[in-house]
Amino acid sequence: MDYQKLGEKLKTVLKLKREPVAIKWVSREPRNIPKASEKSRFCTKLDKAMNGEIFYATAEEEECMGGLRYTGLKDPHKFPKNMRSGSFLVPRGVYKSIPAVQRSWKSNLAVEPDIFTALIFAPLSSADFEPDVIFIVGNSRQGMELLHANAYDSGSHGLGADSGPICSSMAAMPYLTGKVTYGFGDIGSRNNMNLKDDEIMISIPATDLERITLNLEEMKTKTAFRQKESEI
């Protein structure tokens, strides 16, 4: 499958202003892709890839506990107790109490730790590898059309993400469930990414990308989805 062509087609048919991002988990560090030059958060890495950067990152290049925990790059049992309890989030105002943190975290999916060594990030239109998840930032109409395209031939519904970190909801969740996921992001990603207030997030398992893109093209020829350019 030519993911680069699919990436360009997806951008065109949805009129996306941002590059969709290809994410891939790998057990060995790739030789033909540069390693991230500095530490950054998982959500910041997505921003970099949307802006055209291609790179891979190991646990050494991840500075956020969530990015390490939910992508499986580090066993959560190796974190300090204050991180494992979530107590560090209480004075920051993310949660009111440690029990609230613990209850919330129970819903966050995480990739099994220590089975992958690195994650690759790239603009989808430049990805010369087979991705696992496609991350998209767009407006609410573009998100709606993606969800309709997913249901168009399958009747399947996407999974709505709540306040959990996007390293879980927009990466681990579609990877582990095989379901399209959508949401508004969490406070961490909103504070650390260059996002507009009205932008939303959608992640697609890469195995569904061709089907959804072809569905989008067909839907655009139907009455319900025809729209004047000035209205988009």
C-alpha atoms as a PDB file:
ATOM      1  CA  MET A   1       0.000   0.000   0.000  1.00  0.00           C
ATOM      2  CA  ASP A   2       1.321   3.451  -0.911  1.00  0.00           C
ATOM      3  CA  TYR A   3       0.773   5.444   2.260  1.00  0.00           C
ATOM      4  CA  GLN A   4       2.367   8.547   0.780  1.00  0.00           C
ATOM      5  CA  LYS A   5      -0.251   8.714  -1.981  1.00  0.00           C
ATOM      6  CA  LEU A   6      -3.003   7.936   0.508  1.00  0.00           C
ATOM      7  CA  GLY A   7      -1.743  10.761   2.709  1.00  0.00           C
ATOM      8  CA  GLU A   8      -1.934  13.238  -0.148  1.00  0.00           C
ATOM      9  CA  LYS A   9      -5.368  11.969  -1.187  1.00  0.00           C
ATOM     10  CA  LEU A  10      -6.676  12.233   2.379  1.00  0.00           C
ATOM     11  CA  LYS A  11      -5.421  15.826   2.677  1.00  0.00           C
ATOM     12  CA  THR A  12      -7.023  16.747  -0.636  1.00  0.00           C
ATOM     13  CA  VAL A  13     -10.428  15.160  -0.154  1.00  0.00           C
ATOM     14  CA  LEU A  14     -10.796  16.490   3.420  1.00  0.00           C
ATOM     15  CA  LYS A  15      -9.104  19.823   2.653  1.00  0.00           C
ATOM     16  CA  LEU A  16      -6.844  19.372   5.671  1.00  0.00           C
ATOM     17  CA  LYS A  17      -4.579  22.284   6.540  1.00  0.00           C
ATOM     18  CA  ARG A  18      -2.275  20.105   8.673  1.00  0.00           C
ATOM     19  CA  GLU A  19      -0.282  17.040   7.728  1.00  0.00           C
ATOM     20  CA  PRO A  20      -1.670  13.734   9.063  1.00  0.00           C
ATOM     21  CA  VAL A  21       0.998  11.965  11.119  1.00  0.00           C
ATOM     22  CA  ALA A  22       2.112   8.357  10.672  1.00  0.00           C
ATOM     23  CA  ILE A  23       3.093   6.587  13.908  1.00  0.00           C
ATOM     24  CA  LYS A  24       4.806   3.212  14.088  1.00  0.00           C
ATOM     25  CA  TRP A  25       6.034   1.071  17.001  1.00  0.00           C
ATOM     26  CA  VAL A  26       9.285  -0.798  16.290  1.00  0.00           C
ATOM     27  CA  SER A  27      11.288  -3.365  18.241  1.00  0.00           C
ATOM     28  CA  ARG A  28      14.617  -2.189  16.801  1.00  0.00           C
ATOM     29  CA  GLU A  29      15.958   1.293  16.189  1.00  0.00           C
ATOM     30  CA  PRO A  30      15.663   1.981  12.438  1.00  0.00           C
ATOM     31  CA  ARG A  31      18.829   2.634  10.443  1.00  0.00           C
ATOM     32  CA  ASN A  32      17.371   4.765   7.665  1.00  0.00           C
ATOM     33  CA  ILE A  33      15.530   7.310   9.855  1.00  0.00           C
ATOM     34  CA  PRO A  34      17.217   9.956  12.038  1.00  0.00           C
ATOM     35  CA  LYS A  35      16.888   9.775  15.793  1.00  0.00           C
ATOM     36  CA  ALA A  36      15.222  12.657  17.619  1.00  0.00           C
ATOM     37  CA  SER A  37      17.894  15.205  18.498  1.00  0.00           C
ATOM     38  CA  GLU A  38      16.446  16.150  21.894  1.00  0.00           C
ATOM     39  CA  LYS A  39      13.981  15.144  24.573  1.00  0.00           C
ATOM     40  CA  SER A  40      10.393  16.207  24.089  1.00  0.00           C
ATOM     41  CA  ARG A  41       6.875  15.161  24.993  1.00  0.00           C
ATOM     42  CA  PHE A  42       4.911  12.677  22.901  1.00  0.00           C
ATOM     43  CA  CYS A  43       2.417  15.383  21.959  1.00  0.00           C
ATOM     44  CA  THR A  44       5.234  17.735  20.944  1.00  0.00           C
ATOM     45  CA  LYS A  45       6.610  15.003  18.692  1.00  0.00           C
ATOM     46  CA  LEU A  46       3.258  14.892  16.908  1.00  0.00           C
ATOM     47  CA  ASP A  47       3.510  18.642  16.376  1.00  0.00           C
ATOM     48  CA  LYS A  48       6.983  18.245  14.876  1.00  0.00           C
ATOM     49  CA  ALA A  49       5.797  15.554  12.487  1.00  0.00           C
ATOM     50  CA  MET A  50       2.836  17.695  11.418  1.00  0.00           C
ATOM     51  CA  ASN A  51       5.394  20.340  10.531  1.00  0.00           C
ATOM     52  CA  GLY A  52       7.327  17.975   8.274  1.00  0.00           C
ATOM     53  CA  GLU A  53       9.913  16.294  10.514  1.00  0.00           C
ATOM     54  CA  ILE A  54      10.687  12.570  10.171  1.00  0.00           C
ATOM     55  CA  PHE A  55      12.387  10.876  13.129  1.00  0.00           C
ATOM     56  CA  TYR A  56      12.256   8.082  15.673  1.00  0.00           C
ATOM     57  CA  ALA A  57      12.417   8.284  19.450  1.00  0.00           C
ATOM     58  CA  THR A  58      13.278   5.855  22.236  1.00  0.00           C
ATOM     59  CA  ALA A  59      12.546   6.181  25.944  1.00  0.00           C
ATOM     60  CA  GLU A  60      15.634   8.390  26.218  1.00  0.00           C
ATOM     61  CA  GLU A  61      14.014  11.039  24.008  1.00  0.00           C
ATOM     62  CA  GLU A  62      10.679  11.086  25.878  1.00  0.00           C
ATOM     63  CA  GLU A  63      10.335  13.557  28.738  1.00  0.00           C
ATOM     64  CA  CYS A  64       6.704  12.916  29.719  1.00  0.00           C
ATOM     65  CA  MET A  65       5.639  10.108  32.019  1.00  0.00           C
ATOM     66  CA  GLY A  66       2.466   9.573  30.000  1.00  0.00           C
ATOM     67  CA  GLY A  67       4.408   9.350  26.762  1.00  0.00           C
ATOM     68  CA  LEU A  68       6.610   6.671  28.293  1.00  0.00           C
ATOM     69  CA  ARG A  69       3.852   4.787  30.075  1.00  0.00           C
ATOM     70  CA  TYR A  70       1.086   4.642  27.487  1.00  0.00           C
ATOM     71  CA  THR A  71       3.246   3.973  24.435  1.00  0.00           C
ATOM     72  CA  GLY A  72       4.951   1.114  26.277  1.00  0.00           C
ATOM     73  CA  LEU A  73       8.454   2.564  26.169  1.00  0.00           C
ATOM     74  CA  LYS A  74       8.889   2.214  29.936  1.00  0.00           C
ATOM     75  CA  ASP A  75       7.407  -0.072  32.580  1.00  0.00           C
ATOM     76  CA  PRO A  76       5.256   2.124  34.889  1.00  0.00           C
ATOM     77  CA  HIS A  77       6.515   0.172  37.906  1.00  0.00           C
ATOM     78  CA  LYS A  78       9.895   1.812  37.346  1.00  0.00           C
ATOM     79  CA  PHE A  79       8.521   5.308  37.925  1.00  0.00           C
ATOM     80  CA  PRO A  80       8.892   7.095  41.295  1.00  0.00           C
ATOM     81  CA  LYS A  81       5.984   6.643  43.691  1.00  0.00           C
ATOM     82  CA  ASN A  82       4.666  10.177  43.245  1.00  0.00           C
ATOM     83  CA  MET A  83       4.355   9.521  39.515  1.00  0.00           C
ATOM     84  CA  ARG A  84       2.791   6.103  39.980  1.00  0.00           C
ATOM     85  CA  SER A  85       0.218   7.544  42.384  1.00  0.00           C
ATOM     86  CA  GLY A  86      -0.454  10.589  40.242  1.00  0.00           C
ATOM     87  CA  SER A  87       0.027  12.898  43.232  1.00  0.00           C
ATOM     88  CA  PHE A  88       2.088  15.291  41.110  1.00  0.00           C
ATOM     89  CA  LEU A  89      -1.069  16.143  39.117  1.00  0.00           C
ATOM     90  CA  VAL A  90      -3.019  17.388  42.156  1.00  0.00           C
ATOM     91  CA  PRO A  91      -1.087  20.635  42.843  1.00  0.00           C
ATOM     92  CA  ARG A  92      -1.094  21.313  39.099  1.00  0.00           C
ATOM     93  CA  GLY A  93      -4.879  21.352  39.133  1.00  0.00           C
ATOM     94  CA  VAL A  94      -5.430  18.447  36.752  1.00  0.00           C
ATOM     95  CA  TYR A  95      -7.204  16.424  39.464  1.00  0.00           C
ATOM     96  CA  LYS A  96      -8.509  17.323  42.907  1.00  0.00           C
ATOM     97  CA  SER A  97      -7.245  14.205  44.684  1.00  0.00           C
ATOM     98  CA  ILE A  98      -5.107  11.102  44.266  1.00  0.00           C
ATOM     99  CA  PRO A  99      -8.182   8.802  44.270  1.00  0.00           C
ATOM    100  CA  ALA A 100      -9.582  10.825  41.353  1.00  0.00           C
ATOM    101  CA  VAL A 101      -6.305  10.329  39.468  1.00  0.00           C
ATOM    102  CA  GLN A 102      -6.305   6.598  40.134  1.00  0.00           C
ATOM    103  CA  ARG A 103      -9.927   6.181  39.047  1.00  0.00           C
ATOM    104  CA  SER A 104      -9.291   8.121  35.851  1.00  0.00           C
ATOM    105  CA  TRP A 105      -6.129   6.207  34.983  1.00  0.00           C
ATOM    106  CA  LYS A 106      -7.990   2.885  35.122  1.00  0.00           C
ATOM    107  CA  SER A 107      -9.624   3.811  31.803  1.00  0.00           C
ATOM    108  CA  ASN A 108      -6.377   4.699  30.017  1.00  0.00           C
ATOM    109  CA  LEU A 109      -5.116   1.995  27.659  1.00  0.00           C
ATOM    110  CA  ALA A 110      -1.373   1.375  27.464  1.00  0.00           C
ATOM    111  CA  VAL A 111       0.805  -0.686  25.141  1.00  0.00           C
ATOM    112  CA  GLU A 112       2.570  -3.527  26.949  1.00  0.00           C
ATOM    113  CA  PRO A 113       5.915  -2.228  28.235  1.00  0.00           C
ATOM    114  CA  ASP A 114       9.329  -3.402  27.044  1.00  0.00           C
ATOM    115  CA  ILE A 115       8.207  -5.085  23.808  1.00  0.00           C
ATOM    116  CA  PHE A 116       8.999  -2.062  21.638  1.00  0.00           C
ATOM    117  CA  THR A 117      12.188  -0.027  21.530  1.00  0.00           C
ATOM    118  CA  ALA A 118      11.113   3.077  19.648  1.00  0.00           C
ATOM    119  CA  LEU A 119       8.371   5.001  17.896  1.00  0.00           C
ATOM    120  CA  ILE A 120       8.665   6.474  14.409  1.00  0.00           C
ATOM    121  CA  PHE A 121       6.940   9.761  13.561  1.00  0.00           C
ATOM    122  CA  ALA A 122       6.514  11.205  10.071  1.00  0.00           C
ATOM    123  CA  PRO A 123       4.106  13.217   7.951  1.00  0.00           C
ATOM    124  CA  LEU A 124       1.906  10.589   6.316  1.00  0.00           C
ATOM    125  CA  SER A 125       2.639  11.966   2.840  1.00  0.00           C
ATOM    126  CA  SER A 126       6.368  11.362   3.473  1.00  0.00           C
ATOM    127  CA  ALA A 127       6.161   8.009   5.273  1.00  0.00           C
ATOM    128  CA  ASP A 128       8.110   5.293   3.458  1.00  0.00           C
ATOM    129  CA  PHE A 129       7.185   2.721   6.100  1.00  0.00           C
ATOM    130  CA  GLU A 130       3.965   0.935   7.044  1.00  0.00           C
ATOM    131  CA  PRO A 131       2.455   2.887   9.957  1.00  0.00           C
ATOM    132  CA  ASP A 132       0.311   1.552  12.778  1.00  0.00           C
ATOM    133  CA  VAL A 133      -1.771   4.646  13.529  1.00  0.00           C
ATOM    134  CA  ILE A 134      -2.600   7.812  11.601  1.00  0.00           C
ATOM    135  CA  PHE A 135      -3.088  10.933  13.757  1.00  0.00           C
ATOM    136  CA  ILE A 136      -5.112  13.817  12.308  1.00  0.00           C
ATOM    137  CA  VAL A 137      -5.869  17.337  13.519  1.00  0.00           C
ATOM    138  CA  GLY A 138      -8.739  19.127  11.848  1.00  0.00           C
ATOM    139  CA  ASN A 139     -11.955  21.015  12.417  1.00  0.00           C
ATOM    140  CA  SER A 140     -15.204  19.528  13.659  1.00  0.00           C
ATOM    141  CA  ARG A 141     -16.676  19.057  10.165  1.00  0.00           C
ATOM    142  CA  GLN A 142     -13.594  17.179   8.988  1.00  0.00           C
ATOM    143  CA  GLY A 143     -13.841  14.980  12.061  1.00  0.00           C
ATOM    144  CA  MET A 144     -17.511  14.342  11.386  1.00  0.00           C
ATOM    145  CA  GLU A 145     -16.775  13.349   7.793  1.00  0.00           C
ATOM    146  CA  LEU A 146     -14.058  10.914   8.908  1.00  0.00           C
ATOM    147  CA  LEU A 147     -16.486   9.267  11.329  1.00  0.00           C
ATOM    148  CA  HIS A 148     -19.136   9.022   8.613  1.00  0.00           C
ATOM    149  CA  ALA A 149     -16.543   7.545   6.236  1.00  0.00           C
ATOM    150  CA  ASN A 150     -15.679   4.922   8.837  1.00  0.00           C
ATOM    151  CA  ALA A 151     -19.357   3.976   9.197  1.00  0.00           C
ATOM    152  CA  TYR A 152     -20.169   4.311   5.481  1.00  0.00           C
ATOM    153  CA  ASP A 153     -19.526   0.681   4.525  1.00  0.00           C
ATOM    154  CA  SER A 154     -19.116  -0.931   7.928  1.00  0.00           C
ATOM    155  CA  GLY A 155     -21.662   0.661  10.243  1.00  0.00           C
ATOM    156  CA  SER A 156     -18.852   0.879  12.794  1.00  0.00           C
ATOM    157  CA  HIS A 157     -18.745   3.628  15.388  1.00  0.00           C
ATOM    158  CA  GLY A 158     -15.567   5.346  16.562  1.00  0.00           C
ATOM    159  CA  LEU A 159     -14.467   5.625  20.169  1.00  0.00           C
ATOM    160  CA  GLY A 160     -14.800   9.026  21.820  1.00  0.00           C
ATOM    161  CA  ALA A 161     -11.860  10.017  23.975  1.00  0.00           C
ATOM    162  CA  ASP A 162     -12.332  11.763  27.312  1.00  0.00           C
ATOM    163  CA  SER A 163      -9.789  13.702  29.395  1.00  0.00           C
ATOM    164  CA  GLY A 164      -7.080  11.041  29.230  1.00  0.00           C
ATOM    165  CA  PRO A 165      -3.679  11.890  27.718  1.00  0.00           C
ATOM    166  CA  ILE A 166      -3.502  11.628  23.939  1.00  0.00           C
ATOM    167  CA  CYS A 167      -0.557   9.219  24.134  1.00  0.00           C
ATOM    168  CA  SER A 168      -3.219   6.821  25.412  1.00  0.00           C
ATOM    169  CA  SER A 169      -6.415   7.969  23.667  1.00  0.00           C
ATOM    170  CA  MET A 170      -4.975   8.894  20.272  1.00  0.00           C
ATOM    171  CA  ALA A 171      -2.134   6.382  20.047  1.00  0.00           C
ATOM    172  CA  ALA A 172      -2.449   3.351  22.323  1.00  0.00           C
ATOM    173  CA  MET A 173      -6.249   3.132  22.017  1.00  0.00           C
ATOM    174  CA  PRO A 174      -6.504   2.909  18.204  1.00  0.00           C
ATOM    175  CA  TYR A 175      -3.430   0.668  18.172  1.00  0.00           C
ATOM    176  CA  LEU A 176      -4.872  -1.793  20.696  1.00  0.00           C
ATOM    177  CA  THR A 177      -8.565  -1.679  19.758  1.00  0.00           C
ATOM    178  CA  GLY A 178      -8.338  -1.247  15.992  1.00  0.00           C
ATOM    179  CA  LYS A 179     -10.986   1.475  16.310  1.00  0.00           C
ATOM    180  CA  VAL A 180     -11.081   5.029  15.012  1.00  0.00           C
ATOM    181  CA  THR A 181     -10.791   7.374  18.003  1.00  0.00           C
ATOM    182  CA  TYR A 182     -11.686  11.031  18.302  1.00  0.00           C
ATOM    183  CA  GLY A 183     -11.593  13.734  20.936  1.00  0.00           C
ATOM    184  CA  PHE A 184     -10.566  17.212  21.967  1.00  0.00           C
ATOM    185  CA  GLY A 185      -7.185  16.403  23.482  1.00  0.00           C
ATOM    186  CA  ASP A 186      -6.259  16.742  27.146  1.00  0.00           C
ATOM    187  CA  ILE A 187      -4.862  19.760  28.987  1.00  0.00           C
ATOM    188  CA  GLY A 188      -1.294  18.480  28.567  1.00  0.00           C
ATOM    189  CA  SER A 189      -1.473  18.263  24.791  1.00  0.00           C
ATOM    190  CA  ARG A 190      -3.347  21.551  24.556  1.00  0.00           C
ATOM    191  CA  ASN A 191      -0.606  23.255  26.572  1.00  0.00           C
ATOM    192  CA  ASN A 192       2.274  21.692  24.654  1.00  0.00           C
ATOM    193  CA  MET A 193       1.061  21.609  21.044  1.00  0.00           C
ATOM    194  CA  ASN A 194       0.434  24.428  18.627  1.00  0.00           C
ATOM    195  CA  LEU A 195      -3.310  23.833  18.415  1.00  0.00           C
ATOM    196  CA  LYS A 196      -6.161  26.206  17.701  1.00  0.00           C
ATOM    197  CA  ASP A 197      -9.038  26.241  20.152  1.00  0.00           C
ATOM    198  CA  ASP A 198     -11.502  24.901  17.581  1.00  0.00           C
ATOM    199  CA  GLU A 199      -9.348  21.992  16.372  1.00  0.00           C
ATOM    200  CA  ILE A 200     -10.114  18.385  17.268  1.00  0.00           C
ATOM    201  CA  MET A 201      -8.172  15.118  16.965  1.00  0.00           C
ATOM    202  CA  ILE A 202      -8.915  11.884  15.141  1.00  0.00           C
ATOM    203  CA  SER A 203      -6.760   8.752  14.981  1.00  0.00           C
ATOM    204  CA  ILE A 204      -7.228   5.965  12.465  1.00  0.00           C
ATOM    205  CA  PRO A 205      -5.710   2.474  12.578  1.00  0.00           C
ATOM    206  CA  ALA A 206      -3.550   2.376   9.456  1.00  0.00           C
ATOM    207  CA  THR A 207      -5.294  -0.782   8.254  1.00  0.00           C
ATOM    208  CA  ASP A 208      -8.494   1.275   7.842  1.00  0.00           C
ATOM    209  CA  LEU A 209      -6.907   4.240   6.070  1.00  0.00           C
ATOM    210  CA  GLU A 210      -7.433   3.138   2.464  1.00  0.00           C
ATOM    211  CA  ARG A 211     -11.039   2.085   3.090  1.00  0.00           C
ATOM    212  CA  ILE A 212     -11.888   5.346   4.844  1.00  0.00           C
ATOM    213  CA  THR A 213     -10.165   7.490   2.210  1.00  0.00           C
ATOM    214  CA  LEU A 214     -11.987   5.729  -0.640  1.00  0.00           C
ATOM    215  CA  ASN A 215     -15.250   6.092   1.256  1.00  0.00           C
ATOM    216  CA  LEU A 216     -14.627   9.815   1.669  1.00  0.00           C
ATOM    217  CA  GLU A 217     -14.125  10.192  -2.076  1.00  0.00           C
ATOM    218  CA  GLU A 218     -17.351   8.335  -2.843  1.00  0.00           C
ATOM    219  CA  MET A 219     -19.336  10.200  -0.189  1.00  0.00           C
ATOM    220  CA  LYS A 220     -18.281  13.539  -1.662  1.00  0.00           C
ATOM    221  CA  THR A 221     -20.206  12.641  -4.835  1.00  0.00           C
ATOM    222  CA  LYS A 222     -23.435  12.153  -2.883  1.00  0.00           C
ATOM    223  CA  THR A 223     -26.059  14.776  -2.148  1.00  0.00           C
ATOM    224  CA  ALA A 224     -25.629  14.818   1.631  1.00  0.00           C
ATOM    225  CA  PHE A 225     -21.941  15.700   1.461  1.00  0.00           C
ATOM    226  CA  ARG A 226     -21.875  18.207  -1.390  1.00  0.00           C
ATOM    227  CA  GLN A 227     -20.963  21.612  -0.094  1.00  0.00           C
ATOM    228  CA  LYS A 228     -20.021  24.976  -1.523  1.00  0.00           C
ATOM    229  CA  GLU A 229     -16.359  25.888  -1.090  1.00  0.00           C
ATOM    230  CA  SER A 230     -17.346  29.078   0.728  1.00  0.00           C
ATOM    231  CA  GLU A 231     -19.101  27.061   3.413  1.00  0.00           C
ATOM    232  CA  ILE A 232     -16.058  24.956   4.364  1.00  0.00           C
END
